[in-house]
């Protein structure tokens, strides 16, 4: 029965994450530090009243994080595919995840940065820099570790799901060591779906919901 293989599959995921997590965090920290330096340099070098249009565009910031995310997540997605018996993972789903994560990182640092600039009632540029440093520091120390853990789990789940042939019966398997999200429990109870069909949550495979460490498995 498939339940006998759950420890094997979740164990393969844990090994892959252990190997990849420190590297992904390091690459994202480096990208975040570079982005912070770019923001501070632009604001420091300006004159007069602070303006939001002195910042790089949202698209430019998002592009800055795409490469480190791709480097950090491609290998673990491939590990997920191998755990499911495939040689590699298709690029589409992983590309979507990387795009979403890069946009999320930028939103987490850009939104409070823009607010700080818009609320400034002075032209003392040095005075505005410390609150912006705090924005980046808080995300680097708190938000980034959580982001990396969720991203690695989702990338593995993508690769594992991609290894299942279309039309194969599937089940939503909950990591037995976690306290699952109620959404995941509802998905687990749906047992009449095939690969490519959506679970009650509206998703075809696990995604990084808080507490979600699930896999969708194929029933050969």
Protein backbone atom coordinates (compact mmCIF):
# COMPACT_ATOMS: atom_id res chain seq x y z
CA UNK A 1 0.00 0.00 0.00
CA UNK A 2 1.05 3.58 -0.63
CA UNK A 3 1.20 4.31 3.11
CA UNK A 4 4.25 2.06 3.38
CA UNK A 5 6.13 4.40 1.04
CA UNK A 6 5.22 7.67 2.75
CA UNK A 7 8.27 7.60 5.07
CA UNK A 8 10.48 7.01 2.01
CA UNK A 9 9.03 9.96 0.07
CA UNK A 10 8.94 12.40 2.96
CA UNK A 11 12.41 11.26 3.98
CA UNK A 12 13.74 11.98 0.49
CA UNK A 13 12.25 15.45 0.72
CA UNK A 14 13.86 16.09 4.11
CA UNK A 15 17.27 15.05 2.81
CA UNK A 16 16.95 17.30 -0.24
CA UNK A 17 15.89 20.27 1.88
CA UNK A 18 18.71 19.74 4.34
CA UNK A 19 21.17 19.87 1.46
CA UNK A 20 19.62 22.93 -0.19
CA UNK A 21 18.25 25.22 2.51
CA UNK A 22 21.46 26.90 3.65
CA UNK A 23 22.45 27.61 0.06
CA UNK A 24 19.07 29.11 -0.83
CA UNK A 25 19.11 31.32 2.25
CA UNK A 26 22.62 32.50 1.43
CA UNK A 27 21.73 33.37 -2.15
CA UNK A 28 18.57 35.21 -1.12
CA UNK A 29 20.41 37.15 1.58
CA UNK A 30 22.99 38.22 -0.97
CA UNK A 31 20.28 39.34 -3.40
CA UNK A 32 18.45 41.14 -0.62
CA UNK A 33 21.62 42.92 0.48
CA UNK A 34 22.32 44.00 -3.09
CA UNK A 35 18.76 45.26 -3.48
CA UNK A 36 18.99 47.21 -0.22
CA UNK A 37 22.26 48.80 -1.32
CA UNK A 38 20.69 49.84 -4.62
CA UNK A 39 17.72 51.44 -2.83
CA UNK A 40 19.86 53.27 -0.29
CA UNK A 41 22.34 54.49 -2.91
CA UNK A 42 19.54 55.89 -5.05
CA UNK A 43 17.93 57.74 -2.15
CA UNK A 44 21.23 58.95 -0.74
CA UNK A 45 22.37 60.43 -4.04
CA UNK A 46 19.17 62.39 -4.73
CA UNK A 47 18.40 65.99 -3.92
CA UNK A 48 15.45 67.75 -2.33
CA UNK A 49 12.19 66.08 -1.33
CA UNK A 50 12.27 62.28 -1.41
CA UNK A 51 10.36 60.70 -4.32
CA UNK A 52 9.21 57.15 -4.94
CA UNK A 53 10.24 57.38 -8.59
CA UNK A 54 13.87 57.51 -7.47
CA UNK A 55 13.60 53.79 -6.75
CA UNK A 56 14.12 51.14 -9.38
CA UNK A 57 10.92 49.88 -10.97
CA UNK A 58 9.03 46.92 -9.52
CA UNK A 59 10.03 44.87 -12.55
CA UNK A 60 13.70 45.67 -12.07
CA UNK A 61 13.52 44.62 -8.44
CA UNK A 62 11.67 41.40 -9.27
CA UNK A 63 14.27 40.50 -11.92
CA UNK A 64 16.95 40.84 -9.27
CA UNK A 65 15.59 37.84 -7.35
CA UNK A 66 14.74 35.48 -10.21
CA UNK A 67 18.22 34.05 -10.74
CA UNK A 68 18.98 33.18 -7.10
CA UNK A 69 15.56 31.61 -6.70
CA UNK A 70 16.03 29.54 -9.83
CA UNK A 71 19.47 28.38 -8.72
CA UNK A 72 18.16 27.51 -5.26
CA UNK A 73 14.97 25.70 -6.28
CA UNK A 74 15.74 23.86 -9.50
CA UNK A 75 17.80 21.10 -7.88
CA UNK A 76 15.23 20.36 -5.20
CA UNK A 77 12.42 20.24 -7.76
CA UNK A 78 14.52 17.70 -9.66
CA UNK A 79 14.99 15.76 -6.42
CA UNK A 80 11.21 15.65 -6.07
CA UNK A 81 10.87 14.34 -9.61
CA UNK A 82 13.48 11.64 -8.97
CA UNK A 83 11.75 10.61 -5.74
CA UNK A 84 8.62 10.08 -7.82
CA UNK A 85 10.48 8.03 -10.42
CA UNK A 86 11.04 10.65 -13.15
CA UNK A 87 14.29 11.99 -14.61
CA UNK A 88 13.48 15.70 -14.47
CA UNK A 89 10.75 18.23 -13.82
CA UNK A 90 8.90 20.27 -16.42
CA UNK A 91 9.76 23.97 -16.27
CA UNK A 92 6.31 25.56 -16.30
CA UNK A 93 5.18 24.99 -12.72
CA UNK A 94 8.60 25.82 -11.29
CA UNK A 95 8.76 29.00 -13.37
CA UNK A 96 5.41 30.08 -11.94
CA UNK A 97 6.61 29.46 -8.39
CA UNK A 98 9.82 31.42 -8.94
CA UNK A 99 7.91 34.37 -10.45
CA UNK A 100 5.47 34.40 -7.52
CA UNK A 101 8.23 34.21 -4.91
CA UNK A 102 10.26 37.01 -6.48
CA UNK A 103 7.18 39.24 -6.58
CA UNK A 104 6.42 38.36 -2.95
CA UNK A 105 9.94 39.27 -1.77
CA UNK A 106 9.78 42.60 -3.55
CA UNK A 107 6.36 43.37 -2.12
CA UNK A 108 7.55 42.63 1.41
CA UNK A 109 10.39 45.15 1.20
CA UNK A 110 9.08 47.65 -1.34
CA UNK A 111 5.66 48.36 0.16
CA UNK A 112 7.02 49.61 3.54
CA UNK A 113 9.88 51.39 1.76
CA UNK A 114 7.43 53.30 -0.44
CA UNK A 115 5.30 54.10 2.61
CA UNK A 116 8.32 55.51 4.45
CA UNK A 117 9.20 57.73 1.50
CA UNK A 118 5.64 58.96 1.00
CA UNK A 119 5.19 59.72 4.69
CA UNK A 120 8.46 61.65 4.99
CA UNK A 121 7.79 65.35 5.56
CA UNK A 122 11.42 66.40 5.23
CA UNK A 123 14.30 66.27 2.78
CA UNK A 124 16.80 64.80 5.24
CA UNK A 125 17.78 61.78 3.22
CA UNK A 126 19.99 60.23 5.86
CA UNK A 127 17.06 60.26 8.26
CA UNK A 128 14.95 58.05 5.99
CA UNK A 129 17.67 55.46 5.46
CA UNK A 130 17.54 53.81 8.89
CA UNK A 131 13.81 52.94 8.72
CA UNK A 132 14.44 51.38 5.31
CA UNK A 133 17.41 49.44 6.68
CA UNK A 134 15.07 48.14 9.38
CA UNK A 135 12.58 46.93 6.73
CA UNK A 136 15.26 44.88 5.03
CA UNK A 137 16.79 43.68 8.31
CA UNK A 138 13.44 42.44 9.62
CA UNK A 139 12.66 40.55 6.44
CA UNK A 140 16.18 39.13 6.22
CA UNK A 141 16.07 37.82 9.81
CA UNK A 142 12.42 36.75 10.09
CA UNK A 143 10.63 36.59 6.77
CA UNK A 144 13.41 35.11 4.67
CA UNK A 145 13.96 31.87 6.67
CA UNK A 146 10.22 31.16 6.55
CA UNK A 147 10.12 31.94 2.85
CA UNK A 148 13.05 29.62 2.12
CA UNK A 149 11.52 26.70 4.03
CA UNK A 150 8.13 27.06 2.32
CA UNK A 151 9.70 27.52 -1.10
CA UNK A 152 11.85 24.40 -0.81
CA UNK A 153 8.92 22.27 0.29
CA UNK A 154 6.77 23.55 -2.54
CA UNK A 155 9.52 23.05 -5.13
CA UNK A 156 9.95 19.42 -4.05
CA UNK A 157 6.17 18.93 -4.19
CA UNK A 158 6.15 20.38 -7.71
CA UNK A 159 8.79 17.94 -8.91
CA UNK A 160 7.10 15.00 -7.19
CA UNK A 161 3.73 15.88 -8.69
CA UNK A 162 5.25 16.39 -12.13
CA UNK A 163 6.51 12.79 -12.04
CA UNK A 164 2.93 11.45 -12.01
CA UNK A 165 1.47 10.60 -15.41
CA UNK A 166 -1.63 12.55 -16.45
CA UNK A 167 -4.84 10.74 -15.57
CA UNK A 168 -3.27 8.66 -12.77
CA UNK A 169 -5.43 8.45 -9.62
CA UNK A 170 -3.96 10.66 -6.90
CA UNK A 171 -4.27 11.30 -3.18
CA UNK A 172 -3.30 14.29 -1.06
CA UNK A 173 -0.88 12.87 1.55
CA UNK A 174 -0.32 14.82 4.77
CA UNK A 175 3.08 14.85 6.42
CA UNK A 176 2.39 12.80 9.58
CA UNK A 177 4.72 14.86 11.79
CA UNK A 178 2.94 18.18 11.20
CA UNK A 179 -0.23 19.87 12.37
CA UNK A 180 -1.96 20.23 8.98
CA UNK A 181 -3.94 23.16 7.76
CA UNK A 182 -7.69 22.34 7.71
CA UNK A 183 -7.61 22.94 3.96
CA UNK A 184 -5.13 20.10 3.62
CA UNK A 185 -7.36 17.79 5.65
CA UNK A 186 -10.27 18.49 3.32
CA UNK A 187 -8.06 17.75 0.33
CA UNK A 188 -6.86 14.50 1.93
CA UNK A 189 -10.42 13.25 2.22
CA UNK A 190 -11.04 13.60 -1.53
CA UNK A 191 -10.12 10.21 -3.01
CA UNK A 192 -11.68 10.21 -6.47
CA UNK A 193 -9.36 12.54 -8.39
CA UNK A 194 -6.78 12.02 -11.12
CA UNK A 195 -3.56 13.87 -11.86
CA UNK A 196 -4.47 17.23 -13.36
CA UNK A 197 -7.79 17.57 -11.50
CA UNK A 198 -8.26 20.08 -8.70
CA UNK A 199 -8.72 19.24 -5.07
CA UNK A 200 -11.43 21.04 -3.03
CA UNK A 201 -8.99 23.88 -2.22
CA UNK A 202 -8.78 24.63 -5.96
CA UNK A 203 -5.20 23.36 -6.28
CA UNK A 204 -3.86 20.38 -8.18
CA UNK A 205 -0.90 19.91 -5.80
CA UNK A 206 0.40 21.18 -2.46
CA UNK A 207 1.52 24.76 -2.17
CA UNK A 208 3.12 26.72 0.64
CA UNK A 209 0.12 27.26 2.88
CA UNK A 210 1.16 27.90 6.48
CA UNK A 211 1.93 24.50 7.93
CA UNK A 212 1.50 22.67 4.62
CA UNK A 213 4.16 20.02 4.11
CA UNK A 214 2.05 17.70 1.99
CA UNK A 215 2.65 15.71 -1.18
CA UNK A 216 0.23 14.57 -3.85
CA UNK A 217 1.01 10.94 -4.64
CA UNK A 218 0.03 8.78 -7.60
CA UNK A 219 -1.66 5.44 -7.12
CA UNK A 220 -0.09 3.15 -9.70
